[in-house]
């Protein structure tokens, strides 16, 4: 199978993941907004929730793009 045959399914996969991650990004933003205008008692919990969302959802997606999608697009 020619390498270009893999591009469309990969693009579709990552486009779908981008859509799915919109709620995660919104949640991270909400947690970040909890830090403004000044940190309060719930700041630590908000930062931890935001970090957990980034580590569990966003980073695996970004790593997959770097290792699976981008190398195919370069070829």
N, C-alpha and C. Protein backbone atom coordinates (compact mmCIF):
# COMPACT_ATOMS: atom_id res chain seq x y z
N UNK A 1 0.84 -1.18 0.00
CA UNK A 1 0.00 0.00 0.00
C UNK A 1 0.89 1.24 0.00
N UNK A 2 0.63 2.17 -0.86
CA UNK A 2 1.43 3.38 -0.95
C UNK A 2 1.26 4.23 0.30
N UNK A 3 2.33 4.92 0.72
CA UNK A 3 2.25 5.74 1.94
C UNK A 3 1.13 6.77 1.91
N UNK A 4 0.83 7.33 0.74
CA UNK A 4 -0.21 8.35 0.68
C UNK A 4 -1.59 7.80 1.01
N UNK A 5 -1.77 6.49 0.90
CA UNK A 5 -3.05 5.88 1.23
C UNK A 5 -3.35 5.95 2.73
N UNK A 6 -2.32 6.15 3.53
CA UNK A 6 -2.48 6.24 4.98
C UNK A 6 -2.85 7.65 5.43
N UNK A 7 -2.64 8.63 4.57
CA UNK A 7 -2.82 10.02 4.98
C UNK A 7 -4.28 10.34 5.30
N UNK A 8 -5.20 10.01 4.43
CA UNK A 8 -6.60 10.36 4.65
C UNK A 8 -7.16 9.78 5.94
N UNK A 9 -6.95 8.49 6.22
CA UNK A 9 -7.47 7.97 7.49
C UNK A 9 -6.82 8.63 8.72
N UNK A 10 -5.54 8.95 8.63
CA UNK A 10 -4.88 9.62 9.75
C UNK A 10 -5.43 11.02 9.95
N UNK A 11 -5.61 11.73 8.87
CA UNK A 11 -6.18 13.08 8.98
C UNK A 11 -7.58 13.01 9.56
N UNK A 12 -8.37 12.06 9.11
CA UNK A 12 -9.73 11.89 9.64
C UNK A 12 -9.69 11.56 11.13
N UNK A 13 -8.78 10.68 11.51
CA UNK A 13 -8.66 10.30 12.93
C UNK A 13 -8.33 11.51 13.79
N UNK A 14 -7.33 12.28 13.37
CA UNK A 14 -6.91 13.40 14.20
C UNK A 14 -7.92 14.55 14.17
N UNK A 15 -8.63 14.72 13.08
CA UNK A 15 -9.71 15.71 13.03
C UNK A 15 -10.81 15.32 14.01
N UNK A 16 -11.16 14.04 14.04
CA UNK A 16 -12.17 13.55 14.98
C UNK A 16 -11.69 13.77 16.41
N UNK A 17 -10.42 13.46 16.69
CA UNK A 17 -9.88 13.67 18.03
C UNK A 17 -9.89 15.15 18.41
N UNK A 18 -9.58 16.02 17.47
CA UNK A 18 -9.63 17.46 17.76
C UNK A 18 -11.03 17.86 18.19
N UNK A 19 -12.03 17.38 17.48
CA UNK A 19 -13.42 17.67 17.85
C UNK A 19 -13.75 17.13 19.24
N UNK A 20 -13.33 15.91 19.50
CA UNK A 20 -13.61 15.26 20.78
C UNK A 20 -12.92 15.98 21.93
N UNK A 21 -11.76 16.55 21.66
CA UNK A 21 -10.98 17.22 22.71
C UNK A 21 -11.44 18.65 22.99
N UNK A 22 -12.41 19.16 22.25
CA UNK A 22 -12.90 20.52 22.51
C UNK A 22 -13.42 20.66 23.94
N UNK A 23 -14.13 19.68 24.43
CA UNK A 23 -14.65 19.78 25.80
C UNK A 23 -13.52 19.73 26.82
N UNK A 24 -12.49 18.95 26.53
CA UNK A 24 -11.34 18.88 27.43
C UNK A 24 -10.62 20.23 27.45
N UNK A 25 -10.42 20.81 26.27
CA UNK A 25 -9.77 22.13 26.21
C UNK A 25 -10.59 23.18 26.94
N UNK A 26 -11.90 23.12 26.81
CA UNK A 26 -12.77 24.06 27.52
C UNK A 26 -12.66 23.87 29.03
N UNK A 27 -12.55 22.64 29.46
CA UNK A 27 -12.39 22.36 30.90
C UNK A 27 -11.06 22.87 31.42
N UNK A 28 -10.00 22.68 30.64
CA UNK A 28 -8.68 23.20 31.04
C UNK A 28 -8.76 24.72 31.15
N UNK A 29 -9.42 25.35 30.19
CA UNK A 29 -9.57 26.80 30.22
C UNK A 29 -10.34 27.25 31.46
N UNK A 30 -11.38 26.53 31.80
CA UNK A 30 -12.18 26.85 32.98
C UNK A 30 -11.33 26.76 34.24
N UNK A 31 -10.51 25.72 34.33
CA UNK A 31 -9.64 25.58 35.49
C UNK A 31 -8.62 26.72 35.54
N UNK A 32 -8.10 27.10 34.39
CA UNK A 32 -7.15 28.21 34.33
C UNK A 32 -7.81 29.52 34.73
N UNK A 33 -9.05 29.72 34.31
CA UNK A 33 -9.78 30.94 34.66
C UNK A 33 -10.01 31.05 36.17
N UNK A 34 -9.99 29.91 36.86
CA UNK A 34 -10.17 29.93 38.32
C UNK A 34 -9.00 30.62 39.01
N UNK A 35 -7.91 30.82 38.30
CA UNK A 35 -6.73 31.47 38.88
C UNK A 35 -6.82 32.99 38.83
N UNK A 36 -7.77 33.53 38.09
CA UNK A 36 -7.87 34.97 37.89
C UNK A 36 -9.11 35.50 38.58
N UNK A 37 -9.13 36.61 39.20
CA UNK A 37 -8.09 37.63 39.27
C UNK A 37 -7.05 37.34 40.35
N UNK A 38 -7.40 36.50 41.30
CA UNK A 38 -6.38 36.12 42.29
C UNK A 38 -6.68 34.71 42.77
N UNK A 39 -5.64 33.96 43.05
CA UNK A 39 -5.84 32.59 43.52
C UNK A 39 -6.62 32.56 44.83
N UNK A 40 -7.44 31.55 44.96
CA UNK A 40 -8.22 31.37 46.18
C UNK A 40 -7.99 29.98 46.74
N UNK A 41 -8.83 29.60 47.68
CA UNK A 41 -8.66 28.29 48.33
C UNK A 41 -8.77 27.10 47.37
N UNK A 42 -9.50 27.27 46.30
CA UNK A 42 -9.69 26.15 45.37
C UNK A 42 -8.64 26.14 44.24
N UNK A 43 -7.67 27.03 44.30
CA UNK A 43 -6.68 27.14 43.24
C UNK A 43 -5.89 25.86 43.04
N UNK A 44 -5.43 25.26 44.12
CA UNK A 44 -4.63 24.04 44.01
C UNK A 44 -5.43 22.94 43.32
N UNK A 45 -6.67 22.78 43.70
CA UNK A 45 -7.50 21.74 43.08
C UNK A 45 -7.73 22.04 41.59
N UNK A 46 -7.93 23.31 41.26
CA UNK A 46 -8.16 23.68 39.86
C UNK A 46 -6.92 23.39 39.02
N UNK A 47 -5.76 23.73 39.55
CA UNK A 47 -4.52 23.47 38.82
C UNK A 47 -4.31 21.97 38.64
N UNK A 48 -4.58 21.21 39.65
CA UNK A 48 -4.43 19.75 39.55
C UNK A 48 -5.40 19.16 38.53
N UNK A 49 -6.64 19.62 38.52
CA UNK A 49 -7.62 19.13 37.54
C UNK A 49 -7.17 19.48 36.12
N UNK A 50 -6.72 20.71 35.93
CA UNK A 50 -6.24 21.12 34.61
C UNK A 50 -5.06 20.29 34.16
N UNK A 51 -4.12 20.06 35.07
CA UNK A 51 -2.95 19.24 34.74
C UNK A 51 -3.36 17.81 34.40
N UNK A 52 -4.26 17.25 35.18
CA UNK A 52 -4.73 15.89 34.91
C UNK A 52 -5.36 15.79 33.51
N UNK A 53 -6.17 16.78 33.15
CA UNK A 53 -6.79 16.78 31.82
C UNK A 53 -5.74 16.86 30.72
N UNK A 54 -4.76 17.72 30.93
CA UNK A 54 -3.69 17.84 29.93
C UNK A 54 -2.92 16.53 29.78
N UNK A 55 -2.55 15.93 30.89
CA UNK A 55 -1.72 14.71 30.86
C UNK A 55 -2.51 13.52 30.33
N UNK A 56 -3.77 13.41 30.69
CA UNK A 56 -4.56 12.24 30.31
C UNK A 56 -5.13 12.31 28.90
N UNK A 57 -5.37 13.53 28.40
CA UNK A 57 -6.06 13.64 27.12
C UNK A 57 -5.27 14.39 26.04
N UNK A 58 -4.79 15.56 26.37
CA UNK A 58 -4.15 16.40 25.35
C UNK A 58 -2.77 15.87 24.97
N UNK A 59 -1.94 15.57 25.94
CA UNK A 59 -0.58 15.11 25.63
C UNK A 59 -0.54 13.82 24.82
N UNK A 60 -1.34 12.80 25.15
CA UNK A 60 -1.30 11.59 24.30
C UNK A 60 -1.68 11.90 22.85
N UNK A 61 -2.65 12.79 22.67
CA UNK A 61 -3.04 13.18 21.31
C UNK A 61 -1.88 13.88 20.60
N UNK A 62 -1.24 14.81 21.28
CA UNK A 62 -0.12 15.54 20.68
C UNK A 62 1.04 14.61 20.34
N UNK A 63 1.36 13.70 21.24
CA UNK A 63 2.44 12.74 20.98
C UNK A 63 2.09 11.85 19.79
N UNK A 64 0.84 11.43 19.69
CA UNK A 64 0.42 10.60 18.56
C UNK A 64 0.53 11.36 17.24
N UNK A 65 0.15 12.62 17.24
CA UNK A 65 0.31 13.42 16.02
C UNK A 65 1.77 13.49 15.62
N UNK A 66 2.64 13.75 16.60
CA UNK A 66 4.07 13.87 16.30
C UNK A 66 4.67 12.57 15.78
N UNK A 67 4.25 11.46 16.33
CA UNK A 67 4.87 10.19 15.96
C UNK A 67 4.18 9.47 14.80
N UNK A 68 2.90 9.74 14.57
CA UNK A 68 2.16 9.01 13.55
C UNK A 68 1.75 9.86 12.35
N UNK A 69 1.25 11.06 12.60
CA UNK A 69 0.73 11.88 11.50
C UNK A 69 1.83 12.67 10.80
N UNK A 70 2.59 13.43 11.55
CA UNK A 70 3.57 14.32 10.93
C UNK A 70 4.62 13.59 10.09
N UNK A 71 5.13 12.44 10.53
CA UNK A 71 6.11 11.74 9.67
C UNK A 71 5.51 11.33 8.31
N UNK A 72 4.25 10.97 8.28
CA UNK A 72 3.61 10.57 7.02
C UNK A 72 3.41 11.79 6.13
N UNK A 73 3.09 12.92 6.72
CA UNK A 73 2.89 14.13 5.93
C UNK A 73 4.18 14.65 5.32
N UNK A 74 5.30 14.39 5.98
CA UNK A 74 6.59 14.86 5.49
C UNK A 74 7.05 14.06 4.28
N UNK A 75 6.73 12.77 4.27
CA UNK A 75 7.19 11.90 3.17
C UNK A 75 6.58 12.24 1.85
